Amino acid sequence: MIPVGDDQVPGGPPPLVNYALIALNVLAFFLELSRPQGALESFVTAWGVVPREYSAGRDLAPTIPLPFWTTLFTSMFLHGGWAHLGGNMLYLWIFGDNLEKILGGVRYLIFYLVCGVAAAFAHILSAPNSAVPTVGASGAISGVLGGYLLLFPRNRVRVFTRGGIMAVPAFVMLGLWILIQFVSGVGSIAQTEQTSGVAYMAHIGGFVAGMILIKIMAIGRRPAYA
């Protein structure tokens, strides 16, 4: 099921932080595209999360002019291709705006970044010796999905299926999504540490972080509607 829209929180200012996050991801991707093929691999390795660096406690070649832990943040804005970027931005566009309207811009930005960092650590802990760089906004967006599930479980999400566009409750779509992540995450355990691919544990970590954080950060904000 591919989401194409959802019920909107009425009123309030436009979700400018969500728009800005999407714009930054797109700009960062074009920065990647501007680099020669040989330099691109080094660029992604330098600015992505490499679990082995965190196990060693230091930056490994290729190095960056910032502390190695800053890749926890820079990696959130890099992507592995057009499909990777497009899928992530679609989910962020659909699910992020309602969360920002509930949390407010500043809280939403903090929520997003903390979920992304939590997702990165979940991946690091699952493959501490891996030298494969991990990039993408998926972990932070997984946190958005976790928060959305708790605030708007009965929201109608419009999804594209083989039978056309249909509306399903958010808890159905997002519940199925996280179930797939868990099943795929268990299956990925059999992969080697050098295997590249989807960081399912990052998705799970971000989702759980979002469910925890939203309970704290939504205190005193407008109640969810269904």
Protein backbone atom coordinates (compact mmCIF):
# COMPACT_ATOMS: atom_id res chain seq x y z
CA MET A 1 0.00 0.00 0.00
CA ILE A 2 1.42 3.34 -1.09
CA PRO A 3 0.05 6.32 0.88
CA VAL A 4 -1.21 9.26 -1.14
CA GLY A 5 -2.97 11.38 1.52
CA ASP A 6 -4.59 11.48 4.94
CA ASP A 7 -7.05 13.40 7.12
CA GLN A 8 -5.67 16.80 8.03
CA VAL A 9 -5.60 18.59 11.38
CA PRO A 10 -7.78 21.66 10.75
CA GLY A 11 -6.51 25.19 11.28
CA GLY A 12 -3.15 26.35 12.51
CA PRO A 13 -0.14 27.68 10.60
CA PRO A 14 1.33 25.76 7.67
CA PRO A 15 3.87 23.05 8.63
CA LEU A 16 6.92 25.08 7.62
CA VAL A 17 9.45 22.88 9.47
CA ASN A 18 8.19 19.80 7.64
CA TYR A 19 8.49 21.66 4.34
CA ALA A 20 12.02 22.76 5.28
CA LEU A 21 13.07 19.19 6.15
CA ILE A 22 11.86 17.98 2.77
CA ALA A 23 13.69 20.83 1.02
CA LEU A 24 16.93 20.09 2.88
CA ASN A 25 16.76 16.41 1.96
CA VAL A 26 16.25 17.27 -1.69
CA LEU A 27 19.07 19.83 -1.69
CA ALA A 28 21.43 17.38 -0.01
CA PHE A 29 20.60 14.76 -2.63
CA PHE A 30 21.42 17.16 -5.44
CA LEU A 31 24.69 17.88 -3.67
CA GLU A 32 25.40 14.15 -3.82
CA LEU A 33 24.55 14.05 -7.52
CA SER A 34 26.97 16.89 -8.20
CA ARG A 35 29.93 14.81 -7.07
CA PRO A 36 31.91 12.59 -9.48
CA GLN A 37 31.22 8.87 -9.18
CA GLY A 38 34.56 8.11 -7.52
CA ALA A 39 34.20 10.93 -5.03
CA LEU A 40 30.56 10.08 -4.30
CA GLU A 41 31.40 6.80 -2.60
CA SER A 42 33.92 8.52 -0.33
CA PHE A 43 31.44 11.32 0.34
CA VAL A 44 28.72 8.90 1.48
CA THR A 45 31.16 6.91 3.59
CA ALA A 46 32.49 10.08 5.23
CA TRP A 47 29.12 11.66 6.03
CA GLY A 48 27.05 8.51 6.60
CA VAL A 49 26.85 6.49 9.81
CA VAL A 50 29.53 3.78 9.81
CA PRO A 51 28.93 1.56 12.88
CA ARG A 52 32.60 0.55 13.10
CA GLU A 53 33.53 4.19 13.79
CA TYR A 54 31.28 4.22 16.85
CA SER A 55 32.69 0.92 18.07
CA ALA A 56 36.22 2.30 17.65
CA GLY A 57 35.27 5.69 19.10
CA ARG A 58 37.02 7.60 16.33
CA ASP A 59 36.72 8.71 12.73
CA LEU A 60 37.99 6.27 10.13
CA ALA A 61 39.06 7.12 6.59
CA PRO A 62 37.73 8.98 4.73
CA THR A 63 37.60 11.55 7.51
CA ILE A 64 35.46 14.67 7.84
CA PRO A 65 36.40 18.08 9.34
CA LEU A 66 33.90 17.51 12.18
CA PRO A 67 33.71 15.01 15.08
CA PHE A 68 32.67 11.58 13.78
CA TRP A 69 29.46 11.62 15.83
CA THR A 70 28.08 14.47 13.72
CA THR A 71 27.29 11.82 11.10
CA LEU A 72 24.33 10.92 13.32
CA PHE A 73 22.77 14.09 11.91
CA THR A 74 24.36 14.45 8.46
CA SER A 75 23.38 10.91 7.48
CA MET A 76 19.68 11.79 7.91
CA PHE A 77 19.83 14.09 4.89
CA LEU A 78 21.64 11.80 2.44
CA HIS A 79 20.00 9.15 0.26
CA GLY A 80 21.02 6.21 -1.88
CA GLY A 81 19.01 7.04 -4.99
CA TRP A 82 15.89 8.62 -6.43
CA ALA A 83 13.57 5.87 -5.16
CA HIS A 84 15.06 6.08 -1.67
CA LEU A 85 14.60 9.85 -1.58
CA GLY A 86 11.16 9.80 -3.19
CA GLY A 87 9.73 7.15 -0.86
CA ASN A 88 11.02 8.87 2.25
CA MET A 89 9.81 12.31 1.22
CA LEU A 90 6.38 10.95 0.32
CA TYR A 91 5.94 9.53 3.82
CA LEU A 92 7.31 12.69 5.43
CA TRP A 93 4.98 14.89 3.34
CA ILE A 94 1.90 12.87 4.26
CA PHE A 95 2.51 12.08 7.92
CA GLY A 96 4.78 14.87 9.16
CA ASP A 97 2.47 17.84 8.77
CA ASN A 98 -0.13 16.67 11.29
CA LEU A 99 2.54 15.99 13.90
CA GLU A 100 4.01 19.46 13.44
CA LYS A 101 0.58 21.04 13.88
CA ILE A 102 0.18 19.23 17.19
CA LEU A 103 3.74 19.69 18.50
CA GLY A 104 4.57 23.08 17.01
CA GLY A 105 7.58 23.73 14.80
CA VAL A 106 10.36 23.70 17.41
CA ARG A 107 9.14 20.61 19.24
CA TYR A 108 8.57 18.82 15.96
CA LEU A 109 12.13 19.52 14.79
CA ILE A 110 13.56 18.23 18.08
CA PHE A 111 11.28 15.19 17.87
CA TYR A 112 12.41 14.45 14.31
CA LEU A 113 16.13 14.75 15.04
CA VAL A 114 16.00 12.73 18.26
CA CYS A 115 14.13 9.93 16.50
CA GLY A 116 16.76 9.95 13.76
CA VAL A 117 19.59 9.67 16.29
CA ALA A 118 17.78 6.88 18.15
CA ALA A 119 17.34 5.02 14.87
CA ALA A 120 21.05 5.37 14.07
CA PHE A 121 22.03 3.96 17.46
CA ALA A 122 19.63 1.04 16.99
CA HIS A 123 21.41 0.25 13.74
CA ILE A 124 24.85 0.66 15.30
CA LEU A 125 23.98 -1.72 18.12
CA SER A 126 22.64 -4.28 15.66
CA ALA A 127 25.82 -4.30 13.54
CA PRO A 128 28.62 -2.71 15.60
CA ASN A 129 31.47 -3.90 13.36
CA SER A 130 29.91 -3.01 10.01
CA ALA A 131 31.93 -0.76 7.71
CA VAL A 132 28.94 -0.14 5.43
CA PRO A 133 27.74 3.49 5.64
CA THR A 134 24.07 4.03 6.40
CA VAL A 135 22.24 7.06 5.02
CA GLY A 136 18.67 8.23 4.73
CA ALA A 137 15.84 9.92 6.58
CA SER A 138 14.06 6.59 7.11
CA GLY A 139 14.90 6.35 10.81
CA ALA A 140 13.64 9.83 11.64
CA ILE A 141 10.54 9.32 9.49
CA SER A 142 9.90 6.00 11.24
CA GLY A 143 9.72 8.05 14.43
CA VAL A 144 7.15 10.30 12.76
CA LEU A 145 5.10 7.20 11.89
CA GLY A 146 5.30 5.94 15.47
CA GLY A 147 4.10 9.28 16.80
CA TYR A 148 1.37 9.47 14.19
CA LEU A 149 0.10 6.01 15.10
CA LEU A 150 -0.44 7.03 18.72
CA LEU A 151 -1.93 10.45 18.03
CA PHE A 152 -4.09 9.57 15.04
CA PRO A 153 -4.81 5.82 15.12
CA ARG A 154 -8.22 6.20 13.45
CA ASN A 155 -7.24 8.80 10.87
CA ARG A 156 -8.16 7.72 7.37
CA VAL A 157 -5.10 7.25 5.20
CA ARG A 158 -5.65 7.08 1.47
CA VAL A 159 -3.51 4.41 -0.12
CA PHE A 160 -2.90 3.26 -3.66
CA THR A 161 -3.44 -0.45 -4.15
CA ARG A 162 -3.87 -2.78 -7.12
CA GLY A 163 -7.60 -2.14 -6.87
CA GLY A 164 -7.21 1.64 -6.91
CA ILE A 165 -7.21 4.25 -4.14
CA MET A 166 -8.91 3.29 -0.89
CA ALA A 167 -9.02 4.72 2.64
CA VAL A 168 -7.87 2.65 5.61
CA PRO A 169 -7.41 3.54 9.29
CA ALA A 170 -3.90 4.66 10.16
CA PHE A 171 -3.49 1.84 12.67
CA VAL A 172 -4.04 -0.69 9.86
CA MET A 173 -1.51 0.79 7.46
CA LEU A 174 1.13 1.72 10.02
CA GLY A 175 0.60 -1.49 11.98
CA LEU A 176 1.24 -3.46 8.80
CA TRP A 177 4.27 -1.30 8.03
CA ILE A 178 5.97 -1.89 11.39
CA LEU A 179 5.11 -5.61 11.23
CA ILE A 180 6.97 -5.82 7.93
CA GLN A 181 9.95 -4.05 9.50
CA PHE A 182 10.05 -6.54 12.39
CA VAL A 183 9.80 -9.56 10.09
CA SER A 184 12.41 -8.17 7.71
CA GLY A 185 14.64 -7.16 10.63
CA VAL A 186 14.64 -10.72 11.96
CA GLY A 187 15.44 -11.99 8.49
CA SER A 188 18.33 -9.56 8.10
CA ILE A 189 20.10 -11.08 11.11
CA ALA A 190 21.32 -13.83 8.79
CA GLN A 191 23.09 -11.29 6.58
CA THR A 192 26.78 -10.53 6.97
CA GLU A 193 28.05 -7.33 8.51
CA GLN A 194 29.28 -6.14 5.14
CA THR A 195 25.92 -6.60 3.44
CA SER A 196 24.40 -3.34 2.28
CA GLY A 197 20.67 -2.86 2.08
CA VAL A 198 17.80 -1.65 4.21
CA ALA A 199 18.61 -0.87 7.86
CA TYR A 200 15.48 -2.44 9.32
CA MET A 201 16.69 -2.11 12.91
CA ALA A 202 17.01 1.63 12.36
CA HIS A 203 13.37 1.72 11.27
CA ILE A 204 12.29 -0.21 14.35
CA GLY A 205 14.42 1.93 16.66
CA GLY A 206 13.07 5.15 15.18
CA PHE A 207 9.47 3.93 15.38
CA VAL A 208 9.77 2.93 19.04
CA ALA A 209 11.51 6.22 19.86
CA GLY A 210 8.68 8.12 18.19
CA MET A 211 6.04 6.28 20.21
CA ILE A 212 7.87 7.07 23.45
CA LEU A 213 8.72 10.69 22.64
CA ILE A 214 5.28 11.65 21.41
CA LYS A 215 3.79 10.80 24.81
CA ILE A 216 6.22 13.25 26.42
CA MET A 217 6.37 16.00 23.82
CA ALA A 218 2.62 16.16 23.11
CA ILE A 219 1.81 16.96 26.74
CA GLY A 220 -0.15 20.18 26.88
CA ARG A 221 -0.69 20.31 23.13
CA ARG A 222 -3.96 20.06 21.27
CA PRO A 223 -5.64 16.66 21.69
CA ALA A 224 -5.66 14.26 18.78
CA TYR A 225 -8.80 13.88 16.76
CA ALA A 226 -10.07 10.87 14.82
